[in-house]
Amino acid sequence: MNIEQKVKELVANTFNLGVEEIAKDSGPENIPEWDSFGQMNLVTLIEDEFGFQFDFEEIFRIYDTESLINLVEDKINGK
């Protein structure tokens, strides 16, 4: 499974949605449950799944699924 698909699954699971409902622009603007508490739950799941921790500043760069995918890819690739 690729990173994009895994992140979309985790977003879907966090917000009780189907994976098919998650697009790259899915985020707080169109998922009402994606508030600050939801974001922290999502961050924790991502960190546990991929085995790294986000820096405080990185968490604030997550504003939709695409930005999350890019951040995860950067962390995995050591950027």
N, C-alpha and C. Protein backbone atom coordinates (compact mmCIF):
# COMPACT_ATOMS: atom_id res chain seq x y z
N MET A 1 0.85 -1.19 0.00
CA MET A 1 0.00 0.00 0.00
C MET A 1 0.89 1.25 0.00
N ASN A 2 0.52 2.23 -0.80
CA ASN A 2 1.35 3.43 -0.86
C ASN A 2 0.97 4.40 0.26
N ILE A 3 1.81 5.40 0.43
CA ILE A 3 1.63 6.36 1.52
C ILE A 3 0.31 7.10 1.38
N GLU A 4 0.00 7.55 0.16
CA GLU A 4 -1.23 8.30 -0.04
C GLU A 4 -2.45 7.49 0.38
N GLN A 5 -2.49 6.24 -0.03
CA GLN A 5 -3.64 5.39 0.31
C GLN A 5 -3.73 5.17 1.82
N LYS A 6 -2.59 4.94 2.46
CA LYS A 6 -2.59 4.70 3.91
C LYS A 6 -3.05 5.95 4.66
N VAL A 7 -2.57 7.12 4.25
CA VAL A 7 -2.98 8.36 4.90
C VAL A 7 -4.48 8.57 4.72
N LYS A 8 -4.98 8.33 3.52
CA LYS A 8 -6.42 8.48 3.28
C LYS A 8 -7.22 7.52 4.17
N GLU A 9 -6.73 6.30 4.36
CA GLU A 9 -7.40 5.35 5.24
C GLU A 9 -7.44 5.87 6.68
N LEU A 10 -6.32 6.42 7.13
CA LEU A 10 -6.26 6.94 8.49
C LEU A 10 -7.16 8.15 8.67
N VAL A 11 -7.23 9.01 7.67
CA VAL A 11 -8.14 10.15 7.73
C VAL A 11 -9.59 9.64 7.80
N ALA A 12 -9.91 8.68 6.94
CA ALA A 12 -11.26 8.12 6.92
C ALA A 12 -11.61 7.49 8.27
N ASN A 13 -10.69 6.72 8.82
CA ASN A 13 -10.93 6.06 10.11
C ASN A 13 -11.10 7.08 11.24
N THR A 14 -10.28 8.11 11.23
CA THR A 14 -10.35 9.13 12.27
C THR A 14 -11.70 9.82 12.30
N PHE A 15 -12.25 10.07 11.12
CA PHE A 15 -13.48 10.86 11.04
C PHE A 15 -14.70 10.02 10.64
N ASN A 16 -14.58 8.70 10.78
CA ASN A 16 -15.69 7.78 10.52
C ASN A 16 -16.31 7.97 9.14
N LEU A 17 -15.43 8.02 8.14
CA LEU A 17 -15.86 8.17 6.75
C LEU A 17 -15.34 6.99 5.94
N GLY A 18 -15.89 6.81 4.76
CA GLY A 18 -15.36 5.82 3.85
C GLY A 18 -14.14 6.37 3.14
N VAL A 19 -13.20 5.51 2.82
CA VAL A 19 -11.98 5.94 2.13
C VAL A 19 -12.34 6.64 0.82
N GLU A 20 -13.38 6.16 0.16
CA GLU A 20 -13.79 6.76 -1.11
C GLU A 20 -14.28 8.20 -0.94
N GLU A 21 -14.59 8.60 0.28
CA GLU A 21 -15.04 9.97 0.55
C GLU A 21 -13.89 10.94 0.75
N ILE A 22 -12.67 10.43 0.88
CA ILE A 22 -11.51 11.26 1.17
C ILE A 22 -10.81 11.64 -0.13
N ALA A 23 -10.73 12.93 -0.36
CA ALA A 23 -10.02 13.48 -1.51
C ALA A 23 -8.82 14.27 -0.99
N LYS A 24 -7.95 14.68 -1.90
CA LYS A 24 -6.79 15.45 -1.47
C LYS A 24 -7.17 16.77 -0.81
N ASP A 25 -8.32 17.32 -1.19
CA ASP A 25 -8.73 18.59 -0.58
C ASP A 25 -9.63 18.40 0.65
N SER A 26 -9.78 17.16 1.10
CA SER A 26 -10.55 16.91 2.32
C SER A 26 -9.81 17.49 3.52
N GLY A 27 -10.52 18.23 4.33
CA GLY A 27 -9.91 18.86 5.50
C GLY A 27 -10.98 19.52 6.36
N PRO A 28 -10.57 20.42 7.24
CA PRO A 28 -11.52 21.08 8.13
C PRO A 28 -12.62 21.84 7.40
N GLU A 29 -12.34 22.27 6.19
CA GLU A 29 -13.34 23.03 5.43
C GLU A 29 -14.54 22.18 5.03
N ASN A 30 -14.32 20.86 4.84
CA ASN A 30 -15.42 20.02 4.37
C ASN A 30 -15.63 18.76 5.21
N ILE A 31 -14.90 18.61 6.30
CA ILE A 31 -15.12 17.53 7.27
C ILE A 31 -15.34 18.20 8.62
N PRO A 32 -16.61 18.36 9.03
CA PRO A 32 -16.90 19.10 10.26
C PRO A 32 -16.17 18.56 11.50
N GLU A 33 -15.94 17.27 11.55
CA GLU A 33 -15.28 16.67 12.72
C GLU A 33 -13.78 16.99 12.77
N TRP A 34 -13.23 17.51 11.66
CA TRP A 34 -11.80 17.81 11.60
C TRP A 34 -11.56 19.17 12.25
N ASP A 35 -11.70 19.18 13.56
CA ASP A 35 -11.40 20.37 14.35
C ASP A 35 -10.05 20.15 15.02
N SER A 36 -9.70 20.99 15.98
CA SER A 36 -8.38 20.86 16.61
C SER A 36 -8.24 19.52 17.34
N PHE A 37 -9.29 19.05 17.97
CA PHE A 37 -9.24 17.75 18.65
C PHE A 37 -9.10 16.63 17.62
N GLY A 38 -9.87 16.70 16.55
CA GLY A 38 -9.77 15.70 15.49
C GLY A 38 -8.39 15.69 14.86
N GLN A 39 -7.82 16.88 14.68
CA GLN A 39 -6.48 16.97 14.10
C GLN A 39 -5.47 16.26 14.98
N MET A 40 -5.57 16.45 16.29
CA MET A 40 -4.61 15.81 17.19
C MET A 40 -4.79 14.29 17.19
N ASN A 41 -6.03 13.81 17.12
CA ASN A 41 -6.25 12.37 17.01
C ASN A 41 -5.64 11.83 15.73
N LEU A 42 -5.83 12.55 14.64
CA LEU A 42 -5.27 12.14 13.36
C LEU A 42 -3.74 12.13 13.41
N VAL A 43 -3.16 13.17 13.96
CA VAL A 43 -1.69 13.25 14.07
C VAL A 43 -1.16 12.07 14.87
N THR A 44 -1.81 11.72 15.96
CA THR A 44 -1.37 10.60 16.78
C THR A 44 -1.43 9.29 16.01
N LEU A 45 -2.51 9.08 15.26
CA LEU A 45 -2.63 7.86 14.45
C LEU A 45 -1.54 7.80 13.38
N ILE A 46 -1.28 8.92 12.73
CA ILE A 46 -0.24 8.97 11.69
C ILE A 46 1.13 8.66 12.31
N GLU A 47 1.42 9.29 13.44
CA GLU A 47 2.71 9.06 14.10
C GLU A 47 2.87 7.60 14.49
N ASP A 48 1.83 7.00 15.04
CA ASP A 48 1.88 5.59 15.44
C ASP A 48 2.06 4.68 14.22
N GLU A 49 1.33 4.97 13.16
CA GLU A 49 1.38 4.12 11.97
C GLU A 49 2.75 4.16 11.29
N PHE A 50 3.33 5.35 11.18
CA PHE A 50 4.57 5.50 10.42
C PHE A 50 5.82 5.54 11.30
N GLY A 51 5.66 5.58 12.61
CA GLY A 51 6.80 5.47 13.51
C GLY A 51 7.68 6.70 13.60
N PHE A 52 7.08 7.88 13.51
CA PHE A 52 7.83 9.12 13.71
C PHE A 52 6.95 10.10 14.46
N GLN A 53 7.54 11.22 14.84
CA GLN A 53 6.76 12.28 15.50
C GLN A 53 6.89 13.57 14.70
N PHE A 54 5.78 14.28 14.60
CA PHE A 54 5.79 15.58 13.96
C PHE A 54 6.33 16.61 14.93
N ASP A 55 7.04 17.60 14.41
CA ASP A 55 7.41 18.76 15.20
C ASP A 55 6.16 19.61 15.39
N PHE A 56 6.16 20.42 16.42
CA PHE A 56 5.02 21.28 16.72
C PHE A 56 4.64 22.13 15.50
N GLU A 57 5.64 22.71 14.83
CA GLU A 57 5.37 23.57 13.67
C GLU A 57 4.77 22.78 12.51
N GLU A 58 5.18 21.53 12.36
CA GLU A 58 4.67 20.70 11.26
C GLU A 58 3.17 20.45 11.40
N ILE A 59 2.72 20.27 12.61
CA ILE A 59 1.29 20.01 12.84
C ILE A 59 0.44 21.15 12.29
N PHE A 60 0.95 22.37 12.38
CA PHE A 60 0.20 23.53 11.89
C PHE A 60 0.27 23.70 10.38
N ARG A 61 1.10 22.88 9.72
CA ARG A 61 1.17 22.89 8.26
C ARG A 61 0.20 21.88 7.65
N ILE A 62 -0.56 21.19 8.49
CA ILE A 62 -1.55 20.22 8.00
C ILE A 62 -2.88 20.96 7.89
N TYR A 63 -3.32 21.19 6.68
CA TYR A 63 -4.58 21.90 6.49
C TYR A 63 -5.55 21.13 5.59
N ASP A 64 -5.10 20.02 5.04
CA ASP A 64 -5.98 19.12 4.28
C ASP A 64 -5.24 17.80 4.08
N THR A 65 -5.88 16.87 3.42
CA THR A 65 -5.29 15.55 3.24
C THR A 65 -4.02 15.62 2.39
N GLU A 66 -4.02 16.45 1.36
CA GLU A 66 -2.84 16.56 0.51
C GLU A 66 -1.62 17.08 1.27
N SER A 67 -1.82 18.10 2.10
CA SER A 67 -0.69 18.62 2.88
C SER A 67 -0.19 17.56 3.86
N LEU A 68 -1.09 16.75 4.39
CA LEU A 68 -0.70 15.67 5.30
C LEU A 68 0.10 14.61 4.56
N ILE A 69 -0.36 14.22 3.38
CA ILE A 69 0.36 13.23 2.58
C ILE A 69 1.77 13.74 2.28
N ASN A 70 1.88 15.00 1.85
CA ASN A 70 3.19 15.56 1.52
C ASN A 70 4.10 15.60 2.74
N LEU A 71 3.56 15.94 3.88
CA LEU A 71 4.35 16.00 5.11
C LEU A 71 4.84 14.61 5.51
N VAL A 72 3.96 13.61 5.42
CA VAL A 72 4.36 12.23 5.74
C VAL A 72 5.46 11.77 4.78
N GLU A 73 5.30 12.03 3.51
CA GLU A 73 6.32 11.64 2.53
C GLU A 73 7.65 12.31 2.83
N ASP A 74 7.62 13.60 3.20
CA ASP A 74 8.84 14.32 3.55
C ASP A 74 9.51 13.71 4.78
N LYS A 75 8.69 13.38 5.80
CA LYS A 75 9.25 12.79 7.02
C LYS A 75 9.89 11.43 6.72
N ILE A 76 9.22 10.62 5.90
CA ILE A 76 9.76 9.30 5.57
C ILE A 76 11.04 9.43 4.76
N ASN A 77 11.11 10.43 3.90
CA ASN A 77 12.28 10.63 3.05
C ASN A 77 13.35 11.48 3.70
N GLY A 78 13.15 11.82 4.98
CA GLY A 78 14.17 12.55 5.74
C GLY A 78 14.31 14.01 5.40
N LYS A 79 13.25 14.61 4.89
CA LYS A 79 13.32 16.04 4.54
C LYS A 79 12.84 16.89 5.68
